[in-house]
Amino acid sequence: MIEKINLNTLIIAYILILSIISFIFMGIDKKRALNNKWRIKESTLLLLSFIGGSIGTFIGMKVFNHKIRNKKFYLVVPILCIIIISMLIIILTN
């Protein structure tokens, strides 16, 4: 029998997928920045963070050394990470 997937599992999968996408986008944007090519809009990167990919964005900032001097990123992304991580802790402890 196939077991029902509960809401908590879906939320965790959603955050994981968005974090992976956000991390990849940060890497792509950094590579394009170094090659003076068309860039991914900051609003797109921030939107991905806001809708659940902030962990991937934050890790991407550190790994790729990207957007670390941009106030929008170094102020907003860590706050969003704290919110997402807090939500994950609540989900996992219930």
PDB file of N, CA and C in Angstrom:
ATOM      1  N   MET A   1       0.834  -1.196   0.000  1.00  0.00           N
ATOM      2  CA  MET A   1       0.000   0.000   0.000  1.00  0.00           C
ATOM      3  C   MET A   1       0.870   1.248   0.000  1.00  0.00           C
ATOM      4  N   ILE A   2       0.408   2.235  -0.702  1.00  0.00           N
ATOM      5  CA  ILE A   2       1.128   3.512  -0.729  1.00  0.00           C
ATOM      6  C   ILE A   2       0.646   4.350   0.445  1.00  0.00           C
ATOM      7  N   GLU A   3       1.605   4.773   1.242  1.00  0.00           N
ATOM      8  CA  GLU A   3       1.278   5.589   2.405  1.00  0.00           C
ATOM      9  C   GLU A   3       1.064   7.032   1.979  1.00  0.00           C
ATOM     10  N   LYS A   4       0.124   7.698   2.614  1.00  0.00           N
ATOM     11  CA  LYS A   4      -0.112   9.107   2.313  1.00  0.00           C
ATOM     12  C   LYS A   4       1.114   9.929   2.688  1.00  0.00           C
ATOM     13  N   ILE A   5       1.447  10.858   1.825  1.00  0.00           N
ATOM     14  CA  ILE A   5       2.535  11.782   2.147  1.00  0.00           C
ATOM     15  C   ILE A   5       1.928  12.899   2.986  1.00  0.00           C
ATOM     16  N   ASN A   6       2.503  13.119   4.165  1.00  0.00           N
ATOM     17  CA  ASN A   6       1.928  14.147   5.028  1.00  0.00           C
ATOM     18  C   ASN A   6       2.443  15.529   4.653  1.00  0.00           C
ATOM     19  N   LEU A   7       1.792  16.525   5.166  1.00  0.00           N
ATOM     20  CA  LEU A   7       2.101  17.919   4.843  1.00  0.00           C
ATOM     21  C   LEU A   7       3.528  18.279   5.241  1.00  0.00           C
ATOM     22  N   ASN A   8       3.999  17.786   6.373  1.00  0.00           N
ATOM     23  CA  ASN A   8       5.362  18.095   6.822  1.00  0.00           C
ATOM     24  C   ASN A   8       6.402  17.611   5.823  1.00  0.00           C
ATOM     25  N   THR A   9       6.208  16.422   5.284  1.00  0.00           N
ATOM     26  CA  THR A   9       7.130  15.878   4.289  1.00  0.00           C
ATOM     27  C   THR A   9       7.131  16.743   3.031  1.00  0.00           C
ATOM     28  N   LEU A  10       5.966  17.185   2.617  1.00  0.00           N
ATOM     29  CA  LEU A  10       5.872  18.050   1.439  1.00  0.00           C
ATOM     30  C   LEU A  10       6.574  19.385   1.666  1.00  0.00           C
ATOM     31  N   ILE A  11       6.417  19.966   2.855  1.00  0.00           N
ATOM     32  CA  ILE A  11       7.069  21.241   3.165  1.00  0.00           C
ATOM     33  C   ILE A  11       8.582  21.086   3.154  1.00  0.00           C
ATOM     34  N   ILE A  12       9.078  20.030   3.756  1.00  0.00           N
ATOM     35  CA  ILE A  12      10.524  19.784   3.790  1.00  0.00           C
ATOM     36  C   ILE A  12      11.061  19.573   2.373  1.00  0.00           C
ATOM     37  N   ALA A  13      10.345  18.798   1.556  1.00  0.00           N
ATOM     38  CA  ALA A  13      10.769  18.566   0.168  1.00  0.00           C
ATOM     39  C   ALA A  13      10.763  19.866  -0.624  1.00  0.00           C
ATOM     40  N   TYR A  14       9.750  20.690  -0.416  1.00  0.00           N
ATOM     41  CA  TYR A  14       9.626  21.987  -1.083  1.00  0.00           C
ATOM     42  C   TYR A  14      10.827  22.877  -0.749  1.00  0.00           C
ATOM     43  N   ILE A  15      11.156  22.970   0.532  1.00  0.00           N
ATOM     44  CA  ILE A  15      12.279  23.800   0.962  1.00  0.00           C
ATOM     45  C   ILE A  15      13.594  23.248   0.415  1.00  0.00           C
ATOM     46  N   LEU A  16      13.755  21.949   0.435  1.00  0.00           N
ATOM     47  CA  LEU A  16      14.971  21.328  -0.090  1.00  0.00           C
ATOM     48  C   LEU A  16      15.132  21.611  -1.588  1.00  0.00           C
ATOM     49  N   ILE A  17      14.075  21.426  -2.354  1.00  0.00           N
ATOM     50  CA  ILE A  17      14.139  21.661  -3.804  1.00  0.00           C
ATOM     51  C   ILE A  17      14.427  23.123  -4.108  1.00  0.00           C
ATOM     52  N   LEU A  18      13.728  24.032  -3.435  1.00  0.00           N
ATOM     53  CA  LEU A  18      13.976  25.461  -3.667  1.00  0.00           C
ATOM     54  C   LEU A  18      15.380  25.872  -3.243  1.00  0.00           C
ATOM     55  N   SER A  19      15.898  25.279  -2.186  1.00  0.00           N
ATOM     56  CA  SER A  19      17.259  25.588  -1.742  1.00  0.00           C
ATOM     57  C   SER A  19      18.287  25.118  -2.765  1.00  0.00           C
ATOM     58  N   ILE A  20      18.064  23.962  -3.346  1.00  0.00           N
ATOM     59  CA  ILE A  20      18.977  23.462  -4.381  1.00  0.00           C
ATOM     60  C   ILE A  20      18.932  24.373  -5.605  1.00  0.00           C
ATOM     61  N   ILE A  21      17.725  24.753  -6.017  1.00  0.00           N
ATOM     62  CA  ILE A  21      17.580  25.655  -7.163  1.00  0.00           C
ATOM     63  C   ILE A  21      18.251  26.992  -6.877  1.00  0.00           C
ATOM     64  N   SER A  22      18.046  27.539  -5.674  1.00  0.00           N
ATOM     65  CA  SER A  22      18.652  28.825  -5.304  1.00  0.00           C
ATOM     66  C   SER A  22      20.171  28.741  -5.307  1.00  0.00           C
ATOM     67  N   PHE A  23      20.712  27.649  -4.789  1.00  0.00           N
ATOM     68  CA  PHE A  23      22.160  27.452  -4.777  1.00  0.00           C
ATOM     69  C   PHE A  23      22.707  27.419  -6.204  1.00  0.00           C
ATOM     70  N   ILE A  24      22.042  26.683  -7.071  1.00  0.00           N
ATOM     71  CA  ILE A  24      22.473  26.582  -8.471  1.00  0.00           C
ATOM     72  C   ILE A  24      22.407  27.958  -9.148  1.00  0.00           C
ATOM     73  N   PHE A  25      21.329  28.689  -8.908  1.00  0.00           N
ATOM     74  CA  PHE A  25      21.199  30.026  -9.501  1.00  0.00           C
ATOM     75  C   PHE A  25      22.306  30.962  -9.022  1.00  0.00           C
ATOM     76  N   MET A  26      22.681  30.856  -7.752  1.00  0.00           N
ATOM     77  CA  MET A  26      23.782  31.696  -7.242  1.00  0.00           C
ATOM     78  C   MET A  26      25.081  31.350  -7.967  1.00  0.00           C
ATOM     79  N   GLY A  27      25.328  30.063  -8.194  1.00  0.00           N
ATOM     80  CA  GLY A  27      26.534  29.646  -8.913  1.00  0.00           C
ATOM     81  C   GLY A  27      26.529  30.117 -10.356  1.00  0.00           C
ATOM     82  N   ILE A  28      25.382  30.004 -11.012  1.00  0.00           N
ATOM     83  CA  ILE A  28      25.266  30.463 -12.396  1.00  0.00           C
ATOM     84  C   ILE A  28      25.496  31.970 -12.470  1.00  0.00           C
ATOM     85  N   ASP A  29      24.872  32.713 -11.555  1.00  0.00           N
ATOM     86  CA  ASP A  29      25.016  34.166 -11.575  1.00  0.00           C
ATOM     87  C   ASP A  29      26.458  34.590 -11.319  1.00  0.00           C
ATOM     88  N   LYS A  30      27.138  33.915 -10.416  1.00  0.00           N
ATOM     89  CA  LYS A  30      28.540  34.233 -10.143  1.00  0.00           C
ATOM     90  C   LYS A  30      29.404  33.980 -11.375  1.00  0.00           C
ATOM     91  N   LYS A  31      29.174  32.845 -12.031  1.00  0.00           N
ATOM     92  CA  LYS A  31      29.947  32.526 -13.231  1.00  0.00           C
ATOM     93  C   LYS A  31      29.699  33.559 -14.321  1.00  0.00           C
ATOM     94  N   ARG A  32      28.450  33.956 -14.486  1.00  0.00           N
ATOM     95  CA  ARG A  32      28.125  34.973 -15.489  1.00  0.00           C
ATOM     96  C   ARG A  32      28.731  36.322 -15.124  1.00  0.00           C
ATOM     97  N   ALA A  33      28.770  36.642 -13.847  1.00  0.00           N
ATOM     98  CA  ALA A  33      29.367  37.902 -13.409  1.00  0.00           C
ATOM     99  C   ALA A  33      30.853  37.941 -13.750  1.00  0.00           C
ATOM    100  N   LEU A  34      31.536  36.833 -13.544  1.00  0.00           N
ATOM    101  CA  LEU A  34      32.970  36.769 -13.836  1.00  0.00           C
ATOM    102  C   LEU A  34      33.253  36.859 -15.333  1.00  0.00           C
ATOM    103  N   ASN A  35      32.298  36.406 -16.155  1.00  0.00           N
ATOM    104  CA  ASN A  35      32.480  36.409 -17.608  1.00  0.00           C
ATOM    105  C   ASN A  35      31.799  37.592 -18.294  1.00  0.00           C
ATOM    106  N   ASN A  36      31.332  38.559 -17.509  1.00  0.00           N
ATOM    107  CA  ASN A  36      30.644  39.749 -18.039  1.00  0.00           C
ATOM    108  C   ASN A  36      29.518  39.375 -18.997  1.00  0.00           C
ATOM    109  N   LYS A  37      28.708  38.411 -18.600  1.00  0.00           N
ATOM    110  CA  LYS A  37      27.570  37.971 -19.403  1.00  0.00           C
ATOM    111  C   LYS A  37      26.277  38.389 -18.722  1.00  0.00           C
ATOM    112  N   TRP A  38      25.161  38.121 -19.412  1.00  0.00           N
ATOM    113  CA  TRP A  38      23.845  38.414 -18.886  1.00  0.00           C
ATOM    114  C   TRP A  38      23.674  37.759 -17.524  1.00  0.00           C
ATOM    115  N   ARG A  39      23.111  38.525 -16.579  1.00  0.00           N
ATOM    116  CA  ARG A  39      23.003  38.082 -15.186  1.00  0.00           C
ATOM    117  C   ARG A  39      21.570  37.755 -14.804  1.00  0.00           C
ATOM    118  N   ILE A  40      21.430  36.991 -13.758  1.00  0.00           N
ATOM    119  CA  ILE A  40      20.126  36.709 -13.159  1.00  0.00           C
ATOM    120  C   ILE A  40      19.761  37.925 -12.303  1.00  0.00           C
ATOM    121  N   LYS A  41      18.527  38.385 -12.419  1.00  0.00           N
ATOM    122  CA  LYS A  41      18.098  39.573 -11.671  1.00  0.00           C
ATOM    123  C   LYS A  41      18.185  39.321 -10.164  1.00  0.00           C
ATOM    124  N   GLU A  42      18.593  40.364  -9.441  1.00  0.00           N
ATOM    125  CA  GLU A  42      18.619  40.271  -7.973  1.00  0.00           C
ATOM    126  C   GLU A  42      17.235  39.944  -7.441  1.00  0.00           C
ATOM    127  N   SER A  43      16.219  40.520  -8.066  1.00  0.00           N
ATOM    128  CA  SER A  43      14.851  40.274  -7.598  1.00  0.00           C
ATOM    129  C   SER A  43      14.486  38.792  -7.718  1.00  0.00           C
ATOM    130  N   THR A  44      14.990  38.121  -8.740  1.00  0.00           N
ATOM    131  CA  THR A  44      14.733  36.689  -8.906  1.00  0.00           C
ATOM    132  C   THR A  44      15.420  35.892  -7.799  1.00  0.00           C
ATOM    133  N   LEU A  45      16.674  36.230  -7.520  1.00  0.00           N
ATOM    134  CA  LEU A  45      17.417  35.533  -6.467  1.00  0.00           C
ATOM    135  C   LEU A  45      16.764  35.757  -5.102  1.00  0.00           C
ATOM    136  N   LEU A  46      16.334  36.979  -4.849  1.00  0.00           N
ATOM    137  CA  LEU A  46      15.681  37.275  -3.568  1.00  0.00           C
ATOM    138  C   LEU A  46      14.305  36.611  -3.481  1.00  0.00           C
ATOM    139  N   LEU A  47      13.594  36.560  -4.601  1.00  0.00           N
ATOM    140  CA  LEU A  47      12.289  35.895  -4.604  1.00  0.00           C
ATOM    141  C   LEU A  47      12.442  34.413  -4.274  1.00  0.00           C
ATOM    142  N   LEU A  48      13.436  33.763  -4.863  1.00  0.00           N
ATOM    143  CA  LEU A  48      13.694  32.361  -4.545  1.00  0.00           C
ATOM    144  C   LEU A  48      13.977  32.177  -3.057  1.00  0.00           C
ATOM    145  N   SER A  49      14.717  33.114  -2.482  1.00  0.00           N
ATOM    146  CA  SER A  49      14.999  33.058  -1.040  1.00  0.00           C
ATOM    147  C   SER A  49      13.724  33.233  -0.236  1.00  0.00           C
ATOM    148  N   PHE A  50      12.925  34.192  -0.641  1.00  0.00           N
ATOM    149  CA  PHE A  50      11.712  34.533   0.099  1.00  0.00           C
ATOM    150  C   PHE A  50      10.689  33.406   0.082  1.00  0.00           C
ATOM    151  N   ILE A  51      10.601  32.688  -1.021  1.00  0.00           N
ATOM    152  CA  ILE A  51       9.575  31.636  -1.111  1.00  0.00           C
ATOM    153  C   ILE A  51      10.069  30.292  -0.584  1.00  0.00           C
ATOM    154  N   GLY A  52      11.269  30.260   0.018  1.00  0.00           N
ATOM    155  CA  GLY A  52      11.715  29.045   0.692  1.00  0.00           C
ATOM    156  C   GLY A  52      13.120  28.586   0.393  1.00  0.00           C
ATOM    157  N   GLY A  53      13.830  29.249  -0.517  1.00  0.00           N
ATOM    158  CA  GLY A  53      15.165  28.806  -0.895  1.00  0.00           C
ATOM    159  C   GLY A  53      16.300  29.544  -0.225  1.00  0.00           C
ATOM    160  N   SER A  54      16.022  30.189   0.890  1.00  0.00           N
ATOM    161  CA  SER A  54      17.036  31.032   1.537  1.00  0.00           C
ATOM    162  C   SER A  54      18.253  30.248   2.014  1.00  0.00           C
ATOM    163  N   ILE A  55      18.071  29.008   2.397  1.00  0.00           N
ATOM    164  CA  ILE A  55      19.212  28.208   2.856  1.00  0.00           C
ATOM    165  C   ILE A  55      20.184  27.993   1.695  1.00  0.00           C
ATOM    166  N   GLY A  56      19.658  27.668   0.532  1.00  0.00           N
ATOM    167  CA  GLY A  56      20.499  27.498  -0.649  1.00  0.00           C
ATOM    168  C   GLY A  56      21.161  28.788  -1.086  1.00  0.00           C
ATOM    169  N   THR A  57      20.423  29.888  -0.978  1.00  0.00           N
ATOM    170  CA  THR A  57      20.998  31.190  -1.321  1.00  0.00           C
ATOM    171  C   THR A  57      22.136  31.528  -0.376  1.00  0.00           C
ATOM    172  N   PHE A  58      21.917  31.298   0.907  1.00  0.00           N
ATOM    173  CA  PHE A  58      22.948  31.607   1.903  1.00  0.00           C
ATOM    174  C   PHE A  58      24.198  30.757   1.679  1.00  0.00           C
ATOM    175  N   ILE A  59      24.003  29.472   1.459  1.00  0.00           N
ATOM    176  CA  ILE A  59      25.149  28.590   1.203  1.00  0.00           C
ATOM    177  C   ILE A  59      25.848  29.026  -0.088  1.00  0.00           C
ATOM    178  N   GLY A  60      25.066  29.386  -1.110  1.00  0.00           N
ATOM    179  CA  GLY A  60      25.638  29.870  -2.364  1.00  0.00           C
ATOM    180  C   GLY A  60      26.439  31.148  -2.180  1.00  0.00           C
ATOM    181  N   MET A  61      25.954  32.027  -1.315  1.00  0.00           N
ATOM    182  CA  MET A  61      26.702  33.257  -1.021  1.00  0.00           C
ATOM    183  C   MET A  61      28.077  32.923  -0.465  1.00  0.00           C
ATOM    184  N   LYS A  62      28.133  31.949   0.417  1.00  0.00           N
ATOM    185  CA  LYS A  62      29.400  31.578   1.060  1.00  0.00           C
ATOM    186  C   LYS A  62      30.311  30.783   0.115  1.00  0.00           C
ATOM    187  N   VAL A  63      29.749  29.786  -0.563  1.00  0.00           N
ATOM    188  CA  VAL A  63      30.550  28.920  -1.429  1.00  0.00           C
ATOM    189  C   VAL A  63      31.113  29.690  -2.616  1.00  0.00           C
ATOM    190  N   PHE A  64      30.261  30.499  -3.254  1.00  0.00           N
ATOM    191  CA  PHE A  64      30.679  31.216  -4.453  1.00  0.00           C
ATOM    192  C   PHE A  64      31.207  32.617  -4.163  1.00  0.00           C
ATOM    193  N   ASN A  65      31.211  33.004  -2.889  1.00  0.00           N
ATOM    194  CA  ASN A  65      31.639  34.350  -2.500  1.00  0.00           C
ATOM    195  C   ASN A  65      30.899  35.383  -3.351  1.00  0.00           C
ATOM    196  N   HIS A  66      29.591  35.250  -3.372  1.00  0.00           N
ATOM    197  CA  HIS A  66      28.746  36.031  -4.280  1.00  0.00           C
ATOM    198  C   HIS A  66      27.686  36.790  -3.502  1.00  0.00           C
ATOM    199  N   LYS A  67      27.507  38.045  -3.827  1.00  0.00           N
ATOM    200  CA  LYS A  67      26.506  38.937  -3.223  1.00  0.00           C
ATOM    201  C   LYS A  67      26.756  39.178  -1.731  1.00  0.00           C
ATOM    202  N   ILE A  68      27.977  38.986  -1.279  1.00  0.00           N
ATOM    203  CA  ILE A  68      28.250  39.129   0.151  1.00  0.00           C
ATOM    204  C   ILE A  68      28.384  40.583   0.583  1.00  0.00           C
ATOM    205  N   ARG A  69      28.565  41.495  -0.349  1.00  0.00           N
ATOM    206  CA  ARG A  69      28.652  42.911  -0.013  1.00  0.00           C
ATOM    207  C   ARG A  69      27.364  43.668  -0.321  1.00  0.00           C
ATOM    208  N   ASN A  70      26.392  42.965  -0.859  1.00  0.00           N
ATOM    209  CA  ASN A  70      25.121  43.560  -1.231  1.00  0.00           C
ATOM    210  C   ASN A  70      24.208  43.566  -0.001  1.00  0.00           C
ATOM    211  N   LYS A  71      23.827  44.759   0.448  1.00  0.00           N
ATOM    212  CA  LYS A  71      23.033  44.865   1.683  1.00  0.00           C
ATOM    213  C   LYS A  71      21.749  44.056   1.631  1.00  0.00           C
ATOM    214  N   LYS A  72      21.098  44.071   0.484  1.00  0.00           N
ATOM    215  CA  LYS A  72      19.844  43.310   0.369  1.00  0.00           C
ATOM    216  C   LYS A  72      20.070  41.837   0.711  1.00  0.00           C
ATOM    217  N   PHE A  73      21.204  41.322   0.322  1.00  0.00           N
ATOM    218  CA  PHE A  73      21.477  39.902   0.533  1.00  0.00           C
ATOM    219  C   PHE A  73      22.026  39.620   1.923  1.00  0.00           C
ATOM    220  N   TYR A  74      23.020  40.387   2.366  1.00  0.00           N
ATOM    221  CA  TYR A  74      23.622  40.029   3.650  1.00  0.00           C
ATOM    222  C   TYR A  74      22.755  40.408   4.842  1.00  0.00           C
ATOM    223  N   LEU A  75      21.691  41.177   4.607  1.00  0.00           N
ATOM    224  CA  LEU A  75      20.750  41.454   5.692  1.00  0.00           C
ATOM    225  C   LEU A  75      19.510  40.554   5.615  1.00  0.00           C
ATOM    226  N   VAL A  76      18.946  40.424   4.436  1.00  0.00           N
ATOM    227  CA  VAL A  76      17.667  39.722   4.281  1.00  0.00           C
ATOM    228  C   VAL A  76      17.825  38.200   4.301  1.00  0.00           C
ATOM    229  N   VAL A  77      18.794  37.674   3.576  1.00  0.00           N
ATOM    230  CA  VAL A  77      18.919  36.216   3.443  1.00  0.00           C
ATOM    231  C   VAL A  77      19.147  35.520   4.795  1.00  0.00           C
ATOM    232  N   PRO A  78      20.040  36.006   5.659  1.00  0.00           N
ATOM    233  CA  PRO A  78      20.185  35.334   6.960  1.00  0.00           C
ATOM    234  C   PRO A  78      18.897  35.350   7.800  1.00  0.00           C
ATOM    235  N   ILE A  79      18.140  36.431   7.722  1.00  0.00           N
ATOM    236  CA  ILE A  79      16.870  36.504   8.457  1.00  0.00           C
ATOM    237  C   ILE A  79      15.900  35.459   7.917  1.00  0.00           C
ATOM    238  N   LEU A  80      15.830  35.360   6.588  1.00  0.00           N
ATOM    239  CA  LEU A  80      14.960  34.347   5.987  1.00  0.00           C
ATOM    240  C   LEU A  80      15.420  32.940   6.357  1.00  0.00           C
ATOM    241  N   CYS A  81      16.734  32.730   6.435  1.00  0.00           N
ATOM    242  CA  CYS A  81      17.268  31.419   6.847  1.00  0.00           C
ATOM    243  C   CYS A  81      16.830  31.075   8.260  1.00  0.00           C
ATOM    244  N   ILE A  82      16.901  32.030   9.143  1.00  0.00           N
ATOM    245  CA  ILE A  82      16.487  31.795  10.530  1.00  0.00           C
ATOM    246  C   ILE A  82      15.013  31.406  10.579  1.00  0.00           C
ATOM    247  N   ILE A  83      14.193  32.085   9.789  1.00  0.00           N
ATOM    248  CA  ILE A  83      12.762  31.770   9.756  1.00  0.00           C
ATOM    249  C   ILE A  83      12.544  30.353   9.225  1.00  0.00           C
ATOM    250  N   ILE A  84      13.193  30.015   8.121  1.00  0.00           N
ATOM    251  CA  ILE A  84      13.026  28.690   7.518  1.00  0.00           C
ATOM    252  C   ILE A  84      13.539  27.593   8.450  1.00  0.00           C
ATOM    253  N   ILE A  85      14.715  27.796   9.039  1.00  0.00           N
ATOM    254  CA  ILE A  85      15.278  26.790   9.942  1.00  0.00           C
ATOM    255  C   ILE A  85      14.387  26.619  11.177  1.00  0.00           C
ATOM    256  N   SER A  86      13.861  27.719  11.698  1.00  0.00           N
ATOM    257  CA  SER A  86      12.939  27.638  12.839  1.00  0.00           C
ATOM    258  C   SER A  86      11.698  26.837  12.473  1.00  0.00           C
ATOM    259  N   MET A  87      11.191  27.087  11.272  1.00  0.00           N
ATOM    260  CA  MET A  87      10.017  26.351  10.813  1.00  0.00           C
ATOM    261  C   MET A  87      10.333  24.855  10.670  1.00  0.00           C
ATOM    262  N   LEU A  88      11.509  24.539  10.133  1.00  0.00           N
ATOM    263  CA  LEU A  88      11.902  23.135  10.000  1.00  0.00           C
ATOM    264  C   LEU A  88      12.052  22.461  11.361  1.00  0.00           C
ATOM    265  N   ILE A  89      12.615  23.170  12.333  1.00  0.00           N
ATOM    266  CA  ILE A  89      12.747  22.619  13.685  1.00  0.00           C
ATOM    267  C   ILE A  89      11.384  22.322  14.274  1.00  0.00           C
ATOM    268  N   ILE A  90      10.455  23.252  14.093  1.00  0.00           N
ATOM    269  CA  ILE A  90       9.091  23.045  14.610  1.00  0.00           C
ATOM    270  C   ILE A  90       8.454  21.833  13.949  1.00  0.00           C
ATOM    271  N   ILE A  91       8.619  21.713  12.639  1.00  0.00           N
ATOM    272  CA  ILE A  91       8.034  20.581  11.900  1.00  0.00           C
ATOM    273  C   ILE A  91       8.650  19.270  12.373  1.00  0.00           C
ATOM    274  N   LEU A  92       9.974  19.250  12.503  1.00  0.00           N
ATOM    275  CA  LEU A  92      10.660  18.000  12.852  1.00  0.00           C
ATOM    276  C   LEU A  92      10.461  17.581  14.302  1.00  0.00           C
ATOM    277  N   THR A  93      10.146  18.515  15.178  1.00  0.00           N
ATOM    278  CA  THR A  93       9.963  18.156  16.586  1.00  0.00           C
ATOM    279  C   THR A  93       8.511  17.844  16.929  1.00  0.00           C
ATOM    280  N   ASN A  94       7.609  18.018  15.989  1.00  0.00           N
ATOM    281  CA  ASN A  94       6.193  17.677  16.240  1.00  0.00           C
ATOM    282  C   ASN A  94       5.897  16.265  15.833  1.00  0.00           C
TER     283      ASN A  94
END
